Amino acid sequence: MTSRITKKARIYAAADVAKHNTSSDMWVTHKGIVYDISGFVQDHPGGDDVVVPYAGKDITEVMVDETEHVHSKSAFEMMHDFAVGRLVLGEKIVSDDWEATEDFHPDDTDVISDFERSEFLDLSKALIPQMWYANFSKEFYLEQVHQPRHVTYSAKMFPYPWLECFTLTPWYVVPSIWLPIASIFFYLSALQSSPATADYSFRALVGSARSFQIPPAPAASGFAAASLCWSVGCVVWTLLEYAFHRFLFHLDDYLPDKQWALMLHFLMHGVHHYLPMDGLRLVMPPVMFFVLEYPFTNLAHMILPAWMANGVIAGAFTFYVGYDCMHWALHHTKLPAYMAEMKKYHLAHHYKNFELGFGVTSKIWDIAFGTVLDIQTNSAQSLFCLTTLKLSHGASDYFEFCGSYTSTHTSLHQLTTIDTPDWNNRDCRVGNVFIKRFTDTFPL
């Protein structure tokens, strides 16, 4: 059957089709075309009981399987009337087998072949117009935007250079803008918590600057009070960091299946998951952070006295600067031990499981809310299983083998005498072969 559906047809993911799996709402796929046969199920010549088991599935092989049902040419022709779009499987890059290493660097994406396979976005062209005029489902978008690509340049967002410059933010822009602002809030907090200058306002501070007058100095008690509020603000930011990342940037399940919503998601955070190593799109553009912080700074002034609110805001802004600079460093630099661990953790959020591991500067709120991402490699898990097998069976030779294994990438089959095939030096796969053979010989 040759489909009449065009390249402009809506693109669906397999997950889209799988949702329509009942007799009253039934989709199937045939040779890459998606069909909504809900209105035909009851009229199927062979009865609906023949069709319903394939709801939400591919029927390419079934349609030509004579043991199931013989379909005439007219049956294939009739399917044209039920076509609703195309099924594109796209790229699959994120994997549970991804291993975090300190020297990790992604492979460069072949731009031409990537677009031919995925039919998602062409990295050789401006991305925003493609997103705006795209015709793919939310499921397909979310599936593909979370498959990281890598190019050696900053992919274009707009076709016009005068707009493009607003999408590129070097990391040093963040401290250059927001640390002075945080300092002003801290200074105001110290002044407002000092008895002699309790009524001092931001407007008065601006007036002093305009007239080139030196503003008053806060009292020591004012600095102490402001410092305490600043510390609270630092803690508040860590919670906001987690909340923004999990509940705003990854608002995936609650996104409307509308192009404007997908565009907004792409601009806010999707592009970062799509191109996670783009050094000029790792930190928030100043306008974006202003939009995010404005409601919270106003809320702070609504529920707290001015001196306290300004101190908390100063701490939150300071830690925001630390967060964004650390985020950039996690993607692009070699780091001390703690930060190196967080680098592995954050990259696993991109390359292993984007639905867990929302903390960037620490795991504390992931631990508190049960969203910790386990970055233990499958090879380490295989070693654990091997050790468990020894303890279960008392096989000293195998225990000696397990003890000789280290956390390096030495392949397990090089350490054993069993006849194990060469698995390209992948510890986890060889380990699993070993475990299977051992348990076949010594059943648990």
Protein backbone atom coordinates (compact mmCIF):
# COMPACT_ATOMS: atom_id res chain seq x y z
CA MET A 1 0.00 0.00 0.00
CA THR A 2 1.37 3.40 -0.97
CA SER A 3 0.23 6.08 1.45
CA ARG A 4 -1.08 9.38 0.16
CA ILE A 5 -0.10 11.12 3.38
CA THR A 6 2.49 13.88 2.91
CA LYS A 7 5.65 14.93 4.71
CA LYS A 8 3.66 17.84 6.18
CA ALA A 9 1.44 15.42 8.08
CA ARG A 10 1.55 15.49 11.87
CA ILE A 11 4.40 13.48 13.36
CA TYR A 12 3.63 11.14 16.25
CA ALA A 13 5.74 9.07 18.62
CA ALA A 14 5.05 5.43 19.45
CA ALA A 15 3.85 6.57 22.89
CA ASP A 16 1.11 8.63 21.22
CA VAL A 17 -0.22 5.59 19.40
CA ALA A 18 -0.01 3.37 22.47
CA LYS A 19 -2.40 5.66 24.38
CA HIS A 20 -5.22 4.89 21.92
CA ASN A 21 -5.67 1.25 22.84
CA THR A 22 -9.39 0.62 23.33
CA SER A 23 -12.16 -0.43 20.96
CA SER A 24 -13.74 3.03 21.16
CA ASP A 25 -10.45 4.89 20.72
CA MET A 26 -8.11 2.81 18.61
CA TRP A 27 -5.01 3.82 16.69
CA VAL A 28 -2.66 1.52 14.80
CA THR A 29 0.42 1.99 12.64
CA HIS A 30 1.21 0.46 9.28
CA LYS A 31 4.51 1.06 7.49
CA GLY A 32 5.16 4.24 9.42
CA ILE A 33 1.67 5.73 8.97
CA VAL A 34 -0.67 6.32 11.93
CA TYR A 35 -4.33 5.39 11.47
CA ASP A 36 -7.31 6.21 13.67
CA ILE A 37 -9.65 3.28 13.07
CA SER A 38 -11.95 3.92 16.03
CA GLY A 39 -14.98 4.30 13.78
CA PHE A 40 -14.17 1.17 11.80
CA VAL A 41 -13.58 -1.37 14.57
CA GLN A 42 -17.22 -2.43 14.90
CA ASP A 43 -17.54 -2.74 11.11
CA HIS A 44 -14.48 -4.92 10.58
CA PRO A 45 -15.54 -7.94 8.47
CA GLY A 46 -13.68 -10.36 10.72
CA GLY A 47 -15.23 -8.92 13.88
CA ASP A 48 -13.85 -6.46 16.41
CA ASP A 49 -12.30 -9.26 18.47
CA VAL A 50 -9.77 -9.73 15.64
CA VAL A 51 -8.77 -6.06 15.65
CA VAL A 52 -8.85 -4.99 19.31
CA PRO A 53 -5.76 -7.02 20.41
CA TYR A 54 -3.68 -4.79 18.12
CA ALA A 55 -4.99 -1.49 19.51
CA GLY A 56 -2.15 0.99 19.91
CA LYS A 57 0.28 -1.30 18.07
CA ASP A 58 1.90 -1.81 14.68
CA ILE A 59 -0.02 -4.02 12.23
CA THR A 60 2.45 -4.07 9.33
CA GLU A 61 3.18 -7.79 9.66
CA VAL A 62 -0.33 -8.77 10.70
CA MET A 63 -1.85 -7.24 7.56
CA VAL A 64 0.09 -9.67 5.35
CA ASP A 65 -0.11 -12.67 7.67
CA GLU A 66 -2.39 -15.18 5.94
CA THR A 67 -2.80 -17.18 9.14
CA GLU A 68 -4.46 -14.16 10.74
CA HIS A 69 -6.58 -12.71 7.95
CA VAL A 70 -6.25 -12.18 4.20
CA HIS A 71 -6.67 -8.53 3.22
CA SER A 72 -7.65 -7.44 -0.27
CA LYS A 73 -6.21 -4.50 -2.16
CA SER A 74 -9.38 -2.53 -1.42
CA ALA A 75 -8.82 -3.03 2.31
CA PHE A 76 -5.45 -1.36 2.04
CA GLU A 77 -6.94 1.42 -0.07
CA MET A 78 -9.67 2.00 2.49
CA MET A 79 -7.08 2.64 5.19
CA HIS A 80 -6.15 5.92 3.50
CA ASP A 81 -9.34 7.45 4.87
CA PHE A 82 -8.22 6.76 8.44
CA ALA A 83 -4.67 8.16 8.19
CA VAL A 84 -3.96 10.89 10.79
CA GLY A 85 -0.19 11.26 10.62
CA ARG A 86 3.22 9.65 10.46
CA LEU A 87 5.12 7.59 13.02
CA VAL A 88 8.76 8.67 13.41
CA LEU A 89 10.89 6.72 15.86
CA GLY A 90 13.69 9.31 15.87
CA GLU A 91 16.97 9.17 17.75
CA LYS A 92 17.51 7.37 21.07
CA ILE A 93 20.57 8.78 22.85
CA VAL A 94 19.60 8.92 26.54
CA SER A 95 20.29 5.50 28.06
CA ASP A 96 20.26 3.80 31.45
CA ASP A 97 23.64 2.33 30.45
CA TRP A 98 25.26 5.77 30.22
CA GLU A 99 28.35 5.91 32.44
CA ALA A 100 29.45 9.13 34.13
CA THR A 101 33.16 9.89 33.75
CA GLU A 102 35.12 13.00 34.70
CA ASP A 103 36.48 13.42 31.18
CA PHE A 104 33.14 12.86 29.43
CA HIS A 105 32.74 14.57 26.09
CA PRO A 106 29.80 13.84 23.78
CA ASP A 107 30.24 12.66 20.22
CA ASP A 108 29.64 15.29 17.56
CA THR A 109 26.25 15.02 15.89
CA ASP A 110 26.15 14.45 12.15
CA VAL A 111 23.66 17.22 11.44
CA ILE A 112 22.46 15.92 8.07
CA SER A 113 21.95 12.27 9.04
CA ASP A 114 20.46 13.25 12.41
CA PHE A 115 17.70 15.26 10.74
CA GLU A 116 17.08 12.54 8.18
CA ARG A 117 16.63 9.94 10.93
CA SER A 118 14.77 11.97 13.54
CA GLU A 119 12.84 14.49 11.40
CA PHE A 120 12.93 16.74 14.46
CA LEU A 121 15.08 19.88 14.03
CA ASP A 122 17.71 20.68 11.41
CA LEU A 123 20.73 22.01 13.32
CA SER A 124 22.06 23.69 10.19
CA LYS A 125 19.09 26.08 10.17
CA ALA A 126 17.52 28.52 12.65
CA LEU A 127 15.67 26.55 15.34
CA ILE A 128 12.91 28.96 16.39
CA PRO A 129 11.16 29.12 12.98
CA GLN A 130 11.34 25.32 12.77
CA MET A 131 9.75 24.98 16.20
CA TRP A 132 7.02 27.48 15.38
CA TYR A 133 5.98 25.83 12.11
CA ALA A 134 6.57 22.24 13.21
CA ASN A 135 3.76 19.73 13.16
CA PHE A 136 4.77 17.12 15.70
CA SER A 137 2.95 15.92 18.78
CA LYS A 138 3.92 16.75 22.35
CA GLU A 139 5.07 13.18 22.96
CA PHE A 140 7.34 13.26 19.92
CA TYR A 141 8.72 16.67 20.91
CA LEU A 142 9.45 15.61 24.51
CA GLU A 143 11.00 12.36 23.33
CA GLN A 144 13.36 14.11 20.93
CA VAL A 145 14.20 17.31 22.81
CA HIS A 146 15.55 15.17 25.66
CA GLN A 147 17.92 13.30 23.33
CA PRO A 148 21.12 15.41 23.58
CA ARG A 149 22.88 16.53 20.41
CA HIS A 150 26.28 18.16 20.16
CA VAL A 151 27.74 20.54 17.62
CA THR A 152 30.99 22.49 17.85
CA TYR A 153 29.23 25.84 17.48
CA SER A 154 26.19 27.57 18.98
CA ALA A 155 23.27 26.52 16.83
CA LYS A 156 21.26 29.41 15.45
CA MET A 157 17.98 30.23 17.15
CA PHE A 158 16.90 33.06 14.83
CA PRO A 159 17.72 33.76 11.18
CA TYR A 160 18.48 37.40 12.04
CA PRO A 161 21.80 38.31 13.75
CA TRP A 162 20.25 41.25 15.63
CA LEU A 163 17.87 38.83 17.36
CA GLU A 164 20.39 36.01 17.72
CA CYS A 165 22.64 38.06 20.02
CA PHE A 166 19.89 38.10 22.70
CA THR A 167 19.91 34.29 22.88
CA LEU A 168 23.64 34.00 23.70
CA THR A 169 24.77 34.62 27.29
CA PRO A 170 28.43 34.15 28.34
CA TRP A 171 28.72 32.87 31.92
CA TYR A 172 30.40 36.03 33.22
CA VAL A 173 27.31 38.13 32.40
CA VAL A 174 25.53 36.56 35.39
CA PRO A 175 27.94 37.68 38.16
CA SER A 176 28.53 41.01 36.38
CA ILE A 177 24.84 41.91 36.63
CA TRP A 178 23.42 40.11 39.63
CA LEU A 179 26.22 40.35 42.22
CA PRO A 180 26.10 44.19 42.25
CA ILE A 181 22.31 43.98 42.57
CA ALA A 182 22.64 41.47 45.42
CA SER A 183 25.12 43.83 47.11
CA ILE A 184 22.63 46.70 46.90
CA PHE A 185 19.90 44.60 48.50
CA PHE A 186 22.29 43.54 51.27
CA TYR A 187 23.37 47.13 51.90
CA LEU A 188 19.74 48.27 52.07
CA SER A 189 18.94 45.46 54.51
CA ALA A 190 21.85 46.51 56.74
CA LEU A 191 20.75 50.16 56.66
CA GLN A 192 17.09 49.37 57.31
CA SER A 193 17.93 47.13 60.26
CA SER A 194 20.11 49.85 61.84
CA PRO A 195 18.18 52.07 64.30
CA ALA A 196 19.48 55.37 62.90
CA THR A 197 18.65 54.56 59.26
CA ALA A 198 15.60 52.30 59.62
CA ASP A 199 13.56 54.43 57.19
CA TYR A 200 16.20 54.48 54.46
CA SER A 201 14.76 53.39 51.10
CA PHE A 202 15.97 52.36 47.69
CA ARG A 203 14.76 55.69 46.32
CA ALA A 204 16.97 57.52 48.85
CA LEU A 205 19.91 55.37 47.80
CA VAL A 206 19.34 56.28 44.15
CA GLY A 207 19.07 59.95 45.12
CA SER A 208 22.43 59.80 46.90
CA ALA A 209 24.04 58.24 43.83
CA ARG A 210 22.60 60.90 41.52
CA SER A 211 23.87 63.73 43.69
CA PHE A 212 27.24 62.01 44.21
CA GLN A 213 26.68 61.88 47.97
CA ILE A 214 28.10 59.13 50.15
CA PRO A 215 25.20 57.16 51.69
CA PRO A 216 25.18 56.54 55.45
CA ALA A 217 27.05 53.62 56.97
CA PRO A 218 25.02 50.83 58.61
CA ALA A 219 25.54 49.99 62.26
CA ALA A 220 27.29 46.77 63.25
CA SER A 221 23.94 45.39 64.45
CA GLY A 222 22.53 46.15 61.01
CA PHE A 223 25.26 44.14 59.31
CA ALA A 224 24.64 41.25 61.70
CA ALA A 225 20.89 41.24 61.03
CA ALA A 226 21.41 41.54 57.27
CA SER A 227 23.93 38.67 57.36
CA LEU A 228 21.44 36.43 59.12
CA CYS A 229 18.76 37.22 56.52
CA TRP A 230 21.33 36.72 53.76
CA SER A 231 22.03 33.21 55.09
CA VAL A 232 18.32 32.40 55.08
CA GLY A 233 18.12 33.64 51.49
CA CYS A 234 20.93 31.30 50.47
CA VAL A 235 18.97 28.32 51.79
CA VAL A 236 15.78 29.61 50.16
CA TRP A 237 17.54 29.69 46.80
CA THR A 238 18.53 26.01 47.01
CA LEU A 239 14.84 25.14 47.34
CA LEU A 240 13.88 27.52 44.53
CA GLU A 241 16.60 25.99 42.34
CA TYR A 242 15.08 22.56 42.81
CA ALA A 243 11.50 23.80 42.42
CA PHE A 244 12.22 25.76 39.22
CA HIS A 245 14.05 22.83 37.68
CA ARG A 246 11.56 20.14 38.58
CA PHE A 247 8.19 21.87 38.48
CA LEU A 248 8.70 24.63 35.89
CA PHE A 249 11.48 23.62 33.52
CA HIS A 250 10.31 19.98 33.52
CA LEU A 251 6.58 20.64 33.41
CA ASP A 252 6.50 18.00 30.70
CA ASP A 253 3.40 15.97 31.57
CA TYR A 254 1.23 19.06 32.03
CA LEU A 255 2.19 20.85 28.83
CA PRO A 256 -0.73 21.46 26.46
CA ASP A 257 -0.26 19.68 23.14
CA LYS A 258 -0.09 23.05 21.39
CA GLN A 259 2.76 24.49 19.35
CA TRP A 260 2.98 27.69 21.45
CA ALA A 261 3.42 25.57 24.60
CA LEU A 262 6.14 23.46 23.01
CA MET A 263 7.86 26.64 21.82
CA LEU A 264 7.76 28.11 25.35
CA HIS A 265 9.17 24.89 26.80
CA PHE A 266 11.92 24.86 24.18
CA LEU A 267 12.93 28.46 24.93
CA MET A 268 12.89 27.99 28.71
CA HIS A 269 14.73 24.70 29.08
CA GLY A 270 14.19 22.38 26.12
CA VAL A 271 17.03 23.87 24.10
CA HIS A 272 19.40 23.19 27.01
CA HIS A 273 18.50 19.50 27.01
CA TYR A 274 18.68 19.38 23.24
CA LEU A 275 22.14 21.05 23.17
CA PRO A 276 23.45 20.60 26.73
CA MET A 277 27.08 21.46 25.92
CA ASP A 278 26.37 24.80 24.23
CA GLY A 279 28.49 27.11 26.38
CA LEU A 280 26.52 30.23 25.43
CA ARG A 281 23.15 28.78 26.39
CA LEU A 282 23.94 27.33 29.80
CA VAL A 283 23.23 30.31 32.06
CA MET A 284 19.96 32.23 32.18
CA PRO A 285 19.71 35.36 30.07
CA PRO A 286 19.18 38.37 32.39
CA VAL A 287 15.65 38.98 31.09
CA MET A 288 14.63 35.38 31.82
CA PHE A 289 15.90 35.50 35.39
CA PHE A 290 14.22 38.88 35.93
CA VAL A 291 10.88 37.38 34.86
CA LEU A 292 11.38 34.41 37.20
CA GLU A 293 12.56 36.38 40.23
CA TYR A 294 10.13 39.30 40.05
CA PRO A 295 7.10 37.50 41.58
CA PHE A 296 9.25 36.07 44.39
CA THR A 297 10.93 39.36 45.32
CA ASN A 298 7.49 40.97 45.48
CA LEU A 299 6.21 38.08 47.59
CA ALA A 300 9.13 38.53 49.98
CA HIS A 301 8.22 42.20 50.47
CA MET A 302 4.56 41.28 51.00
CA ILE A 303 5.19 38.82 53.83
CA LEU A 304 8.37 40.22 55.43
CA PRO A 305 9.51 43.61 56.74
CA ALA A 306 11.58 45.53 54.17
CA TRP A 307 14.91 45.02 55.98
CA MET A 308 14.33 41.29 56.25
CA ALA A 309 13.03 40.89 52.68
CA ASN A 310 16.01 42.73 51.21
CA GLY A 311 18.45 40.55 53.14
CA VAL A 312 16.76 37.34 52.03
CA ILE A 313 16.68 38.55 48.41
CA ALA A 314 20.39 39.40 48.61
CA GLY A 315 21.21 35.86 49.76
CA ALA A 316 18.99 34.27 47.13
CA PHE A 317 20.56 36.35 44.36
CA THR A 318 24.07 35.52 45.58
CA PHE A 319 23.38 31.81 45.56
CA TYR A 320 21.67 32.13 42.18
CA VAL A 321 24.94 33.50 40.79
CA GLY A 322 26.77 30.55 42.35
CA TYR A 323 24.22 28.14 40.89
CA ASP A 324 24.42 29.46 37.33
CA CYS A 325 28.22 29.70 37.34
CA MET A 326 28.47 26.20 38.79
CA HIS A 327 26.01 24.95 36.18
CA TRP A 328 28.24 26.30 33.45
CA ALA A 329 31.31 24.76 35.10
CA LEU A 330 29.64 21.34 35.43
CA HIS A 331 29.34 21.20 31.66
CA HIS A 332 32.67 22.69 30.69
CA THR A 333 35.51 22.47 33.24
CA LYS A 334 37.52 20.04 35.35
CA LEU A 335 36.49 20.43 38.96
CA PRO A 336 37.44 19.61 42.58
CA ALA A 337 36.15 16.37 44.10
CA TYR A 338 32.70 17.52 45.30
CA MET A 339 31.94 19.46 42.13
CA ALA A 340 33.27 16.61 39.99
CA GLU A 341 30.73 14.33 41.67
CA MET A 342 27.97 16.86 41.02
CA LYS A 343 29.16 17.10 37.41
CA LYS A 344 28.62 13.36 36.96
CA TYR A 345 25.26 13.68 38.69
CA HIS A 346 24.08 16.55 36.52
CA LEU A 347 25.31 15.07 33.25
CA ALA A 348 23.45 11.88 34.17
CA HIS A 349 20.31 14.05 34.34
CA HIS A 350 20.97 14.90 30.68
CA TYR A 351 22.28 11.59 29.35
CA LYS A 352 20.72 8.96 31.61
CA ASN A 353 17.35 10.03 33.07
CA PHE A 354 15.97 13.56 32.73
CA GLU A 355 13.05 12.76 35.06
CA LEU A 356 15.33 12.52 38.13
CA GLY A 357 18.33 14.41 39.52
CA PHE A 358 17.04 17.99 39.54
CA GLY A 359 19.63 19.37 41.98
CA VAL A 360 22.54 21.21 40.36
CA THR A 361 24.54 22.59 43.29
CA SER A 362 23.60 19.78 45.70
CA LYS A 363 21.46 16.64 46.05
CA ILE A 364 19.81 17.74 49.29
CA TRP A 365 16.34 18.43 47.89
CA ASP A 366 16.49 15.39 45.60
CA ILE A 367 17.08 13.34 48.75
CA ALA A 368 14.26 15.14 50.59
CA PHE A 369 11.73 14.65 47.80
CA GLY A 370 12.81 11.22 46.56
CA THR A 371 14.14 12.22 43.14
CA VAL A 372 17.77 11.14 43.57
CA LEU A 373 19.32 9.84 40.36
CA ASP A 374 21.45 6.73 40.89
CA ILE A 375 24.56 7.17 38.76
CA GLN A 376 26.02 3.79 39.70
CA THR A 377 27.10 2.10 36.49
CA ASN A 378 25.82 -1.26 35.40
CA SER A 379 29.36 -2.60 35.69
CA ALA A 380 29.38 -1.75 39.38
CA GLN A 381 25.98 -3.39 39.74
CA SER A 382 27.32 -6.49 37.98
CA LEU A 383 30.22 -6.62 40.43
CA PHE A 384 27.79 -6.44 43.33
CA CYS A 385 25.81 -9.33 41.85
CA LEU A 386 28.98 -11.36 41.37
CA THR A 387 29.98 -10.82 44.99
CA THR A 388 26.48 -11.81 46.11
CA LEU A 389 26.76 -15.02 44.08
CA LYS A 390 29.98 -15.90 45.87
CA LEU A 391 28.46 -15.29 49.29
CA SER A 392 25.50 -17.46 48.30
CA HIS A 393 27.59 -20.40 47.06
CA GLY A 394 30.89 -20.11 48.89
CA ALA A 395 32.88 -20.43 45.69
CA SER A 396 36.30 -19.17 46.74
CA ASP A 397 37.65 -18.98 43.20
CA TYR A 398 34.86 -16.65 42.17
CA PHE A 399 35.26 -14.58 45.32
CA GLU A 400 38.94 -14.19 44.50
CA PHE A 401 37.94 -13.06 41.02
CA CYS A 402 35.51 -10.49 42.43
CA GLY A 403 38.13 -9.20 44.82
CA SER A 404 40.59 -8.71 41.99
CA TYR A 405 38.11 -6.56 40.07
CA THR A 406 38.56 -2.82 40.42
CA SER A 407 36.39 0.14 39.42
CA THR A 408 38.50 0.70 36.32
CA HIS A 409 37.26 -0.20 32.85
CA THR A 410 39.20 -3.48 32.71
CA SER A 411 36.83 -5.91 31.05
CA LEU A 412 35.62 -8.76 33.21
CA HIS A 413 36.36 -11.44 30.62
CA GLN A 414 40.08 -10.62 30.86
CA LEU A 415 40.00 -11.53 34.56
CA THR A 416 38.27 -14.89 34.17
CA THR A 417 39.07 -18.20 32.56
CA ILE A 418 35.53 -18.84 31.32
CA ASP A 419 34.89 -18.74 27.59
CA THR A 420 33.27 -15.29 27.32
CA PRO A 421 32.93 -13.47 23.97
CA ASP A 422 34.51 -10.09 23.40
CA TRP A 423 31.93 -7.45 24.34
CA ASN A 424 33.96 -4.41 23.31
CA ASN A 425 35.35 -4.01 26.82
CA ARG A 426 31.94 -3.23 28.35
CA ASP A 427 32.10 -4.42 31.96
CA CYS A 428 28.37 -4.57 32.54
CA ARG A 429 27.57 -6.74 29.52
CA VAL A 430 30.38 -9.23 30.15
CA GLY A 431 29.51 -9.28 33.83
CA ASN A 432 25.93 -10.15 33.02
CA VAL A 433 27.08 -13.01 30.77
CA PHE A 434 29.27 -14.28 33.61
CA ILE A 435 26.39 -14.05 36.09
CA LYS A 436 24.06 -15.95 33.78
CA ARG A 437 26.58 -18.76 33.24
CA PHE A 438 27.34 -18.96 36.94
CA THR A 439 23.66 -19.16 37.93
CA ASP A 440 23.02 -21.75 35.20
CA THR A 441 25.76 -23.90 36.74
CA PHE A 442 24.85 -23.22 40.39
CA PRO A 443 21.09 -22.50 40.54
CA LEU A 444 20.05 -20.24 43.42
